Amino acid sequence: MMSVDSTQSMKMESPHPAAGVCPVTGFGGPTTALKSPTGCPVTEGAAEFDPFRGSYQADPAVALAEARRNEPVFYSPVLDYWVVTRYNDVKEIFKNPDLFSAAITLEQVTPISDEALDILDASNFAPGPTIVNEDEPIHGERRRALFQPFEQDSVALLEPRIREVINNYIDKFAARGEADLVDDLFYEVPCIVALIFLGVPDEDIETCRQFGMQQTLFTWGRPEVSEQVRVAEGMAAFWIFAGELVERLKKTPDAPGWIPHAIRVQAEHPDLITDNYLQNIMMSGILAAHETTTNASGNALRTLLENREAWEAIVNDPDLIPKAVEECLRFSGSVVAWRRMTTDDAAVGGVEIPAGSRLLIVMASANRDESIFPEPDVFDINRANARRHLTFGLGIHTCMGASLARLEMKVFLTELTRRLPGLKLKQAQDFTYLPNTSFRGPEHVLVEWDPAANPLPSDRT
């Protein structure tokens, strides 16, 4: 059995976990008649944990506060997953990819219906492994080969184009006095930036944008059959388009962008980067660079505007914006949780977990662990260790696009505070989120301001 806790990861001789001692638990009340796969009783809180509704959807970090204190690793019968909530346990799992495989990261939480599967099969949809759900040694080989466009210096070259796109969108509503920041700004801009980063030609950007990315609900949610069918139709159409686009990009391999870079790598290493792999990273790259940044930006603006002193601080001193970005990512990041599977019997936080078990590792909860972040529920843009958050993961699976996401968020905040410093949240609005286990961002952020007070004369009419 392999053991992972707050201080160690080591090979041990041990009986099967079922023979171990059940940990003392106290999440949400007494134990129930339900049993975990190791034969231990399931507490009321664990039995009632449902990531698709209720408090987890409202705020996963708050929903799991009691678990962090009293039962930091628990079995969820609703999910058939072990849920990990504390910082050090999540960190050690990320650092031990041999014991905790990423292979299930992109599996559907809810099994695909036959109707949806038929639609995907008809398009020859073949979502093979990508960097996010590959294990060693192939993961490291591909990551190293494909990483150059993600280096900070390379990403920085995109800043003028990102700033231009953002300001073009702000131009459309600056004098209006009200906006939905998600619909009017955060949904569209990251999609365009993602496509520019990938190297999609300008004439194809609008086509790609119209497809939209609905994979979040399909993969990490609990959609009804009719919804699965609708999403499958969109994914099938985009899969076909992505393959055609890759073939066209092969005709201009010297063009800028991640996909042209991958095509050049393929020419030297055809066994490492196949055509199917190129098609997969075209689709997954848009999801990763678009939807997660959309969500992170929506979370950030909601958080900053609810904490007015922080908003006023970055209005008055833009040099604080990078620090504000990190605290926003810690306090309300867009990537709530990842999934892993044990390759051997393991112990996490003193809880014995059998080989082949699925784990939901909740970074949003880890980012509010008071043993790492003092007063974790206080939003503080001057927090000294905010950058220790686990929103981008850790170790070999650290998010490749972290520099791009940080840059986009920085430019969003820079331009919004410069042009619309009087932004306020509209009163009495309900913030809603797409129900799923892993990605979180408000579907709408309604704001208002007095256009007559805008600093730029061109934004007042």
Protein backbone atom coordinates (compact mmCIF):
# COMPACT_ATOMS: atom_id res chain seq x y z
CA MET A 1 0.00 0.00 0.00
CA MET A 2 1.20 3.52 -0.80
CA SER A 3 0.73 6.20 1.83
CA VAL A 4 0.19 9.88 1.15
CA ASP A 5 -0.38 12.34 3.94
CA SER A 6 0.69 15.83 4.83
CA THR A 7 4.35 14.90 5.17
CA GLN A 8 5.22 11.79 3.20
CA SER A 9 4.69 9.49 0.23
CA MET A 10 6.22 6.02 0.65
CA LYS A 11 5.88 2.35 -0.20
CA MET A 12 4.65 0.23 2.72
CA GLU A 13 3.84 -3.37 3.46
CA SER A 14 0.27 -3.34 4.76
CA PRO A 15 -2.91 -5.35 4.69
CA HIS A 16 -5.76 -4.40 2.34
CA PRO A 17 -7.36 -1.14 3.46
CA ALA A 18 -10.55 -2.97 4.46
CA ALA A 19 -8.56 -4.50 7.27
CA GLY A 20 -7.50 -1.10 8.57
CA VAL A 21 -8.98 0.90 11.39
CA CYS A 22 -11.76 3.31 10.46
CA PRO A 23 -10.75 6.92 11.14
CA VAL A 24 -12.65 9.05 13.63
CA THR A 25 -15.10 11.12 11.58
CA GLY A 26 -17.56 13.86 12.26
CA PHE A 27 -18.70 15.49 9.01
CA GLY A 28 -22.28 16.68 9.25
CA GLY A 29 -23.54 14.46 12.03
CA PRO A 30 -23.35 10.81 13.08
CA THR A 31 -22.62 7.82 10.89
CA THR A 32 -25.25 6.21 8.69
CA ALA A 33 -25.96 2.63 7.69
CA LEU A 34 -24.03 3.21 4.46
CA LYS A 35 -20.52 1.80 4.16
CA SER A 36 -17.51 2.95 2.18
CA PRO A 37 -15.66 0.48 -0.09
CA THR A 38 -13.35 -0.24 2.85
CA GLY A 39 -16.28 -1.15 5.11
CA CYS A 40 -16.17 2.01 7.21
CA PRO A 41 -19.43 3.79 8.07
CA VAL A 42 -20.35 6.87 6.06
CA THR A 43 -21.25 10.01 8.02
CA GLU A 44 -24.38 12.01 7.33
CA GLY A 45 -22.40 14.85 5.76
CA ALA A 46 -20.59 12.49 3.42
CA ALA A 47 -23.82 10.68 2.51
CA GLU A 48 -25.55 13.97 1.70
CA PHE A 49 -22.65 15.52 -0.23
CA ASP A 50 -23.90 16.31 -3.73
CA PRO A 51 -21.62 18.46 -5.90
CA PHE A 52 -24.33 19.04 -8.50
CA ARG A 53 -26.62 21.14 -6.32
CA GLY A 54 -26.94 23.11 -3.12
CA SER A 55 -24.10 24.53 -1.09
CA TYR A 56 -21.26 23.09 -3.22
CA GLN A 57 -22.59 24.94 -6.24
CA ALA A 58 -22.99 28.15 -4.21
CA ASP A 59 -19.42 28.00 -2.84
CA PRO A 60 -17.51 24.70 -2.71
CA ALA A 61 -14.93 26.02 -0.23
CA VAL A 62 -17.61 27.03 2.25
CA ALA A 63 -19.59 23.82 1.64
CA LEU A 64 -16.57 21.73 2.64
CA ALA A 65 -15.43 23.83 5.63
CA GLU A 66 -16.79 21.31 8.14
CA ALA A 67 -15.22 18.44 6.24
CA ARG A 68 -11.83 20.19 6.34
CA ARG A 69 -12.13 20.40 10.12
CA ASN A 70 -13.64 17.02 10.96
CA GLU A 71 -13.42 14.59 8.04
CA PRO A 72 -10.94 15.92 5.47
CA VAL A 73 -11.03 12.73 3.39
CA PHE A 74 -14.42 11.08 3.01
CA TYR A 75 -16.24 8.67 0.73
CA SER A 76 -19.18 10.09 -1.25
CA PRO A 77 -21.83 7.47 -2.12
CA VAL A 78 -23.51 9.94 -4.52
CA LEU A 79 -20.35 10.16 -6.62
CA ASP A 80 -18.66 6.86 -5.75
CA TYR A 81 -15.55 9.02 -5.23
CA TRP A 82 -13.30 9.75 -2.28
CA VAL A 83 -13.29 13.50 -1.66
CA VAL A 84 -10.05 15.20 -0.51
CA THR A 85 -10.37 18.68 1.03
CA ARG A 86 -7.16 19.76 2.81
CA TYR A 87 -4.23 21.60 1.25
CA ASN A 88 -1.37 19.27 2.15
CA ASP A 89 -3.26 16.14 1.11
CA VAL A 90 -4.20 17.69 -2.25
CA LYS A 91 -0.61 18.85 -2.73
CA GLU A 92 0.84 15.42 -2.03
CA ILE A 93 -1.58 13.81 -4.50
CA PHE A 94 -0.45 16.23 -7.21
CA LYS A 95 3.18 15.44 -6.36
CA ASN A 96 2.67 11.67 -6.65
CA PRO A 97 1.33 11.02 -10.18
CA ASP A 98 2.52 7.40 -10.20
CA LEU A 99 0.16 6.53 -7.35
CA PHE A 100 -2.59 8.94 -8.37
CA SER A 101 -3.15 8.62 -12.11
CA ALA A 102 -4.62 11.49 -14.15
CA ALA A 103 -6.13 9.06 -16.66
CA ILE A 104 -9.73 9.65 -15.51
CA THR A 105 -9.51 13.45 -15.59
CA LEU A 106 -11.63 13.81 -18.73
CA GLU A 107 -13.96 10.87 -18.20
CA GLN A 108 -17.65 11.70 -17.98
CA VAL A 109 -18.83 11.90 -14.37
CA THR A 110 -22.26 10.88 -15.67
CA PRO A 111 -22.19 7.93 -18.13
CA ILE A 112 -22.86 8.91 -21.74
CA SER A 113 -26.29 7.95 -23.05
CA ASP A 114 -26.52 5.63 -26.05
CA GLU A 115 -28.16 8.41 -28.07
CA ALA A 116 -25.29 10.82 -27.44
CA LEU A 117 -22.72 8.11 -28.06
CA ASP A 118 -24.27 7.32 -31.47
CA ILE A 119 -23.95 10.98 -32.47
CA LEU A 120 -20.29 11.10 -31.47
CA ASP A 121 -19.54 7.78 -33.16
CA ALA A 122 -21.07 9.03 -36.42
CA SER A 123 -18.53 11.89 -36.47
CA ASN A 124 -15.62 9.51 -35.70
CA PHE A 125 -15.15 11.44 -32.46
CA ALA A 126 -11.99 10.00 -30.90
CA PRO A 127 -10.99 11.95 -27.79
CA GLY A 128 -7.72 10.26 -27.05
CA PRO A 129 -5.40 11.31 -24.23
CA THR A 130 -4.19 14.90 -24.07
CA ILE A 131 -1.65 16.48 -21.76
CA VAL A 132 -4.16 16.93 -18.93
CA ASN A 133 -5.03 13.22 -18.63
CA GLU A 134 -1.81 11.48 -19.61
CA ASP A 135 0.55 9.67 -17.27
CA GLU A 136 4.30 9.29 -17.44
CA PRO A 137 6.43 8.81 -19.41
CA ILE A 138 4.48 10.02 -22.46
CA HIS A 139 3.09 13.01 -20.55
CA GLY A 140 6.51 14.51 -19.89
CA GLU A 141 7.75 13.90 -23.43
CA ARG A 142 4.78 15.65 -25.01
CA ARG A 143 4.69 18.47 -22.47
CA ARG A 144 8.34 19.30 -23.07
CA ALA A 145 7.89 19.17 -26.84
CA LEU A 146 4.80 21.40 -26.84
CA PHE A 147 5.58 23.87 -24.07
CA GLN A 148 7.54 26.64 -25.82
CA PRO A 149 4.49 28.79 -26.79
CA PHE A 150 3.37 28.71 -23.12
CA GLU A 151 6.61 30.18 -21.77
CA GLN A 152 6.07 33.51 -20.06
CA ASP A 153 8.18 35.46 -22.57
CA SER A 154 6.24 33.96 -25.48
CA VAL A 155 2.86 34.67 -23.88
CA ALA A 156 3.89 38.26 -23.10
CA LEU A 157 4.10 38.96 -26.84
CA LEU A 158 0.32 38.58 -27.00
CA GLU A 159 -0.39 41.39 -24.53
CA PRO A 160 -0.90 44.18 -27.11
CA ARG A 161 -3.35 42.03 -29.07
CA ILE A 162 -5.20 41.01 -25.88
CA ARG A 163 -5.44 44.64 -24.80
CA GLU A 164 -6.77 45.63 -28.22
CA VAL A 165 -9.47 42.94 -28.19
CA ILE A 166 -10.55 43.82 -24.63
CA ASN A 167 -10.81 47.54 -25.39
CA ASN A 168 -12.77 46.88 -28.57
CA TYR A 169 -15.38 45.11 -26.45
CA ILE A 170 -15.40 47.72 -23.69
CA ASP A 171 -15.97 50.34 -26.41
CA LYS A 172 -19.35 48.75 -27.10
CA PHE A 173 -20.77 49.34 -23.61
CA ALA A 174 -18.62 51.95 -21.83
CA ALA A 175 -21.12 54.78 -22.36
CA ARG A 176 -24.16 52.60 -21.71
CA GLY A 177 -23.97 52.67 -17.92
CA GLU A 178 -24.78 48.98 -17.44
CA ALA A 179 -23.56 45.61 -18.70
CA ASP A 180 -23.46 41.90 -18.10
CA LEU A 181 -19.71 41.45 -17.86
CA VAL A 182 -19.98 37.77 -18.78
CA ASP A 183 -22.14 38.20 -21.89
CA ASP A 184 -20.59 41.50 -22.96
CA LEU A 185 -16.92 40.79 -22.24
CA PHE A 186 -15.71 37.71 -20.40
CA TYR A 187 -17.31 35.06 -22.58
CA GLU A 188 -16.22 36.41 -25.94
CA VAL A 189 -12.74 37.78 -25.31
CA PRO A 190 -11.08 34.64 -23.84
CA CYS A 191 -12.50 32.63 -26.73
CA ILE A 192 -10.92 34.99 -29.25
CA VAL A 193 -7.63 35.04 -27.32
CA ALA A 194 -7.64 31.24 -27.14
CA LEU A 195 -8.05 31.00 -30.89
CA ILE A 196 -5.31 33.58 -31.51
CA PHE A 197 -3.01 31.62 -29.17
CA LEU A 198 -3.81 28.37 -30.96
CA GLY A 199 -2.99 29.98 -34.30
CA VAL A 200 -6.47 29.87 -35.81
CA PRO A 201 -6.58 32.22 -38.82
CA ASP A 202 -8.62 35.39 -38.35
CA GLU A 203 -11.18 34.30 -40.93
CA ASP A 204 -11.98 31.17 -38.88
CA ILE A 205 -12.20 32.80 -35.45
CA GLU A 206 -15.90 33.67 -35.76
CA THR A 207 -16.76 30.13 -36.91
CA CYS A 208 -14.92 28.58 -33.97
CA ARG A 209 -16.49 31.04 -31.55
CA GLN A 210 -19.98 30.16 -32.72
CA PHE A 211 -19.48 26.48 -31.92
CA GLY A 212 -19.07 27.40 -28.27
CA MET A 213 -17.64 25.06 -25.70
CA GLN A 214 -20.19 22.92 -23.91
CA GLN A 215 -17.83 20.16 -22.78
CA THR A 216 -17.91 21.29 -19.14
CA LEU A 217 -21.48 20.13 -18.60
CA PHE A 218 -20.95 17.04 -20.74
CA THR A 219 -17.84 15.87 -18.88
CA TRP A 220 -18.17 17.17 -15.32
CA GLY A 221 -21.91 17.63 -14.93
CA ARG A 222 -25.04 15.54 -14.70
CA PRO A 223 -26.96 16.41 -17.89
CA GLU A 224 -30.25 14.78 -18.86
CA VAL A 225 -30.27 12.61 -21.97
CA SER A 226 -31.79 15.40 -24.09
CA GLU A 227 -29.04 17.77 -22.97
CA GLN A 228 -26.37 15.16 -23.68
CA VAL A 229 -27.74 14.80 -27.21
CA ARG A 230 -27.68 18.56 -27.78
CA VAL A 231 -24.12 18.91 -26.49
CA ALA A 232 -22.96 15.82 -28.41
CA GLU A 233 -24.23 17.34 -31.65
CA GLY A 234 -22.18 20.48 -31.02
CA MET A 235 -19.09 18.53 -30.02
CA ALA A 236 -19.36 16.28 -33.06
CA ALA A 237 -19.62 19.26 -35.39
CA PHE A 238 -16.65 20.95 -33.77
CA TRP A 239 -14.60 17.74 -33.88
CA ILE A 240 -15.06 17.57 -37.64
CA PHE A 241 -14.26 21.27 -38.05
CA ALA A 242 -11.16 20.96 -35.84
CA GLY A 243 -9.81 18.15 -38.02
CA GLU A 244 -10.37 20.16 -41.18
CA LEU A 245 -8.72 23.21 -39.61
CA VAL A 246 -5.64 21.24 -38.57
CA GLU A 247 -5.25 20.00 -42.15
CA ARG A 248 -5.42 23.59 -43.44
CA LEU A 249 -2.91 24.77 -40.85
CA LYS A 250 -0.48 22.12 -42.05
CA LYS A 251 -0.17 24.16 -45.25
CA THR A 252 1.31 27.08 -43.28
CA PRO A 253 3.48 25.36 -40.65
CA ASP A 254 5.58 28.49 -40.06
CA ALA A 255 2.58 30.48 -38.85
CA PRO A 256 2.46 31.65 -35.22
CA GLY A 257 0.39 29.77 -32.65
CA TRP A 258 0.37 26.59 -30.61
CA ILE A 259 -1.12 24.32 -33.27
CA PRO A 260 1.41 25.35 -35.94
CA HIS A 261 4.13 24.77 -33.31
CA ALA A 262 2.69 21.29 -32.67
CA ILE A 263 2.61 20.63 -36.41
CA ARG A 264 6.31 21.48 -36.61
CA VAL A 265 6.98 19.11 -33.70
CA GLN A 266 5.00 16.42 -35.54
CA ALA A 267 7.27 16.74 -38.57
CA GLU A 268 10.23 15.78 -36.35
CA HIS A 269 8.41 13.35 -34.04
CA PRO A 270 5.46 11.82 -35.93
CA ASP A 271 5.03 9.03 -33.38
CA LEU A 272 4.84 11.51 -30.51
CA ILE A 273 2.35 13.96 -32.09
CA THR A 274 -0.21 12.17 -34.27
CA ASP A 275 -3.01 13.70 -36.35
CA ASN A 276 -5.53 12.51 -33.76
CA TYR A 277 -3.50 14.22 -31.05
CA LEU A 278 -3.48 17.49 -33.00
CA GLN A 279 -7.25 17.32 -33.40
CA ASN A 280 -7.66 16.62 -29.69
CA ILE A 281 -5.49 19.52 -28.52
CA MET A 282 -7.33 21.87 -30.87
CA MET A 283 -10.59 21.08 -29.05
CA SER A 284 -9.22 20.78 -25.53
CA GLY A 285 -7.02 23.85 -25.97
CA ILE A 286 -10.02 26.04 -26.69
CA LEU A 287 -11.85 24.68 -23.65
CA ALA A 288 -8.84 25.15 -21.37
CA ALA A 289 -7.92 28.64 -22.57
CA HIS A 290 -11.45 29.92 -23.06
CA GLU A 291 -13.91 28.64 -20.51
CA THR A 292 -11.60 28.56 -17.51
CA THR A 293 -10.46 32.16 -18.10
CA THR A 294 -14.05 33.28 -18.64
CA ASN A 295 -14.98 31.76 -15.29
CA ALA A 296 -11.90 33.08 -13.48
CA SER A 297 -12.56 36.62 -14.72
CA GLY A 298 -16.23 36.49 -13.71
CA ASN A 299 -15.28 35.22 -10.27
CA ALA A 300 -12.64 37.93 -9.92
CA LEU A 301 -14.94 40.84 -10.78
CA ARG A 302 -17.71 39.58 -8.54
CA THR A 303 -15.25 39.15 -5.67
CA LEU A 304 -13.55 42.51 -6.14
CA LEU A 305 -16.80 44.44 -6.45
CA GLU A 306 -18.19 42.71 -3.36
CA ASN A 307 -15.02 43.78 -1.55
CA ARG A 308 -15.14 47.47 -2.43
CA GLU A 309 -11.97 48.45 -0.61
CA ALA A 310 -10.01 46.01 -2.75
CA TRP A 311 -11.56 47.39 -5.95
CA GLU A 312 -10.76 50.96 -4.93
CA ALA A 313 -7.21 49.91 -4.07
CA ILE A 314 -6.48 48.59 -7.57
CA VAL A 315 -8.23 51.59 -9.15
CA ASN A 316 -5.88 53.89 -7.25
CA ASP A 317 -2.77 51.71 -7.64
CA PRO A 318 -2.70 49.46 -10.73
CA ASP A 319 0.59 47.97 -9.50
CA LEU A 320 -1.54 45.96 -7.04
CA ILE A 321 -3.37 44.17 -9.86
CA PRO A 322 -1.03 41.14 -10.13
CA LYS A 323 -1.43 40.56 -6.38
CA ALA A 324 -5.20 40.92 -6.73
CA VAL A 325 -5.21 38.32 -9.51
CA GLU A 326 -3.48 35.77 -7.26
CA GLU A 327 -5.85 36.38 -4.35
CA CYS A 328 -8.84 36.08 -6.69
CA LEU A 329 -7.49 32.76 -7.94
CA ARG A 330 -7.08 31.57 -4.36
CA PHE A 331 -10.36 32.88 -3.00
CA SER A 332 -12.61 32.02 -5.94
CA GLY A 333 -10.74 30.19 -8.68
CA SER A 334 -12.39 28.80 -11.77
CA VAL A 335 -10.93 25.29 -11.45
CA VAL A 336 -12.60 23.85 -8.35
CA ALA A 337 -11.45 20.23 -8.49
CA TRP A 338 -9.59 17.62 -10.48
CA ARG A 339 -9.97 13.86 -10.48
CA ARG A 340 -7.45 11.09 -9.95
CA MET A 341 -7.43 7.27 -9.67
CA THR A 342 -5.29 5.24 -7.30
CA THR A 343 -2.97 2.77 -9.02
CA ASP A 344 -2.28 0.93 -5.74
CA ASP A 345 -3.76 0.76 -2.25
CA ALA A 346 -3.11 4.14 -0.67
CA ALA A 347 -3.58 6.16 2.49
CA VAL A 348 -4.53 9.82 2.17
CA GLY A 349 -4.70 11.92 5.31
CA GLY A 350 -4.78 8.72 7.38
CA VAL A 351 -7.71 7.26 5.40
CA GLU A 352 -7.08 3.98 3.62
CA ILE A 353 -8.23 3.92 0.00
CA PRO A 354 -8.15 0.81 -2.23
CA ALA A 355 -6.40 0.57 -5.57
CA GLY A 356 -8.62 1.58 -8.48
CA SER A 357 -10.54 4.16 -6.42
CA ARG A 358 -11.60 7.48 -7.88
CA LEU A 359 -10.73 10.68 -6.03
CA LEU A 360 -12.18 14.18 -6.29
CA ILE A 361 -9.42 16.51 -5.10
CA VAL A 362 -10.99 19.86 -4.32
CA MET A 363 -8.49 22.69 -4.78
CA ALA A 364 -11.13 25.30 -3.93
CA SER A 365 -11.32 23.75 -0.47
CA ALA A 366 -7.54 23.40 -0.16
CA ASN A 367 -7.20 27.10 -0.99
CA ARG A 368 -9.21 27.93 2.16
CA ASP A 369 -7.18 25.69 4.48
CA GLU A 370 -6.40 27.81 7.53
CA SER A 371 -3.19 25.87 8.23
CA ILE A 372 -1.75 27.46 5.06
CA PHE A 373 -3.75 30.66 4.64
CA PRO A 374 -4.50 32.54 7.90
CA GLU A 375 -8.08 33.81 8.01
CA PRO A 376 -8.76 32.00 4.72
CA ASP A 377 -12.29 33.35 4.28
CA VAL A 378 -11.02 36.94 4.30
CA PHE A 379 -10.31 38.35 0.83
CA ASP A 380 -6.98 40.19 1.08
CA ILE A 381 -5.14 41.35 -2.03
CA ASN A 382 -2.05 41.94 0.12
CA ARG A 383 -1.95 38.33 1.32
CA ALA A 384 1.72 37.38 1.38
CA ASN A 385 1.33 33.77 0.24
CA ALA A 386 -1.69 33.97 -2.08
CA ARG A 387 0.38 32.58 -4.96
CA ARG A 388 0.65 29.26 -3.10
CA HIS A 389 -2.92 28.50 -4.20
CA LEU A 390 -3.48 25.22 -6.01
CA THR A 391 -5.92 26.52 -8.63
CA PHE A 392 -3.45 25.74 -11.43
CA GLY A 393 -2.48 22.39 -9.92
CA LEU A 394 1.07 21.39 -8.99
CA GLY A 395 3.88 19.21 -10.24
CA ILE A 396 3.96 17.64 -13.69
CA HIS A 397 0.32 18.53 -14.33
CA THR A 398 0.60 22.22 -13.43
CA CYS A 399 -1.62 24.10 -15.90
CA MET A 400 0.40 24.91 -19.01
CA GLY A 401 -1.77 27.96 -19.68
CA ALA A 402 -1.28 29.59 -16.27
CA SER A 403 0.80 32.47 -17.69
CA LEU A 404 -1.82 33.18 -20.37
CA ALA A 405 -4.66 33.14 -17.83
CA ARG A 406 -2.80 35.46 -15.48
CA LEU A 407 -2.02 37.86 -18.32
CA GLU A 408 -5.63 38.01 -19.51
CA MET A 409 -6.94 38.61 -16.00
CA LYS A 410 -4.35 41.34 -15.45
CA VAL A 411 -5.32 43.14 -18.66
CA PHE A 412 -9.05 42.79 -17.91
CA LEU A 413 -8.55 44.43 -14.52
CA THR A 414 -6.18 47.07 -15.86
CA GLU A 415 -8.56 48.22 -18.57
CA LEU A 416 -11.75 48.01 -16.51
CA THR A 417 -10.28 50.00 -13.61
CA ARG A 418 -8.81 52.55 -16.03
CA ARG A 419 -11.96 53.12 -18.06
CA LEU A 420 -14.80 52.21 -15.68
CA PRO A 421 -13.58 52.84 -12.10
CA GLY A 422 -17.13 53.45 -10.91
CA LEU A 423 -18.29 49.88 -11.64
CA LYS A 424 -20.75 48.49 -9.07
CA LEU A 425 -22.68 45.25 -8.87
CA LYS A 426 -26.38 45.64 -9.56
CA GLN A 427 -28.38 45.01 -6.44
CA ALA A 428 -30.60 41.96 -5.84
CA GLN A 429 -29.03 39.76 -8.51
CA ASP A 430 -28.77 36.01 -8.05
CA PHE A 431 -25.47 34.48 -9.12
CA THR A 432 -25.95 31.13 -10.83
CA TYR A 433 -23.38 28.53 -11.85
CA LEU A 434 -23.38 25.63 -14.32
CA PRO A 435 -23.86 22.56 -12.09
CA ASN A 436 -20.74 20.39 -12.28
CA THR A 437 -17.98 19.08 -10.04
CA SER A 438 -14.96 20.90 -11.35
CA PHE A 439 -15.35 24.29 -13.03
CA ARG A 440 -17.01 27.35 -11.54
CA GLY A 441 -17.86 30.80 -12.77
CA PRO A 442 -20.97 32.99 -12.63
CA GLU A 443 -23.26 32.72 -15.64
CA HIS A 444 -23.92 36.48 -15.36
CA VAL A 445 -22.32 39.44 -13.56
CA LEU A 446 -24.63 42.46 -13.85
CA VAL A 447 -22.94 45.82 -13.25
CA GLU A 448 -23.77 49.49 -13.51
CA TRP A 449 -21.95 52.83 -13.36
CA ASP A 450 -22.45 56.50 -14.13
CA PRO A 451 -21.12 57.12 -17.66
CA ALA A 452 -20.81 60.85 -16.93
CA ALA A 453 -18.12 59.98 -14.37
CA ASN A 454 -16.01 57.88 -16.74
CA PRO A 455 -12.42 59.25 -16.90
CA LEU A 456 -12.17 59.12 -20.72
CA PRO A 457 -14.33 61.68 -22.58
CA SER A 458 -14.94 59.12 -25.34
CA ASP A 459 -16.59 56.79 -22.78
CA ARG A 460 -19.16 59.39 -21.68
CA THR A 461 -21.33 59.55 -24.77
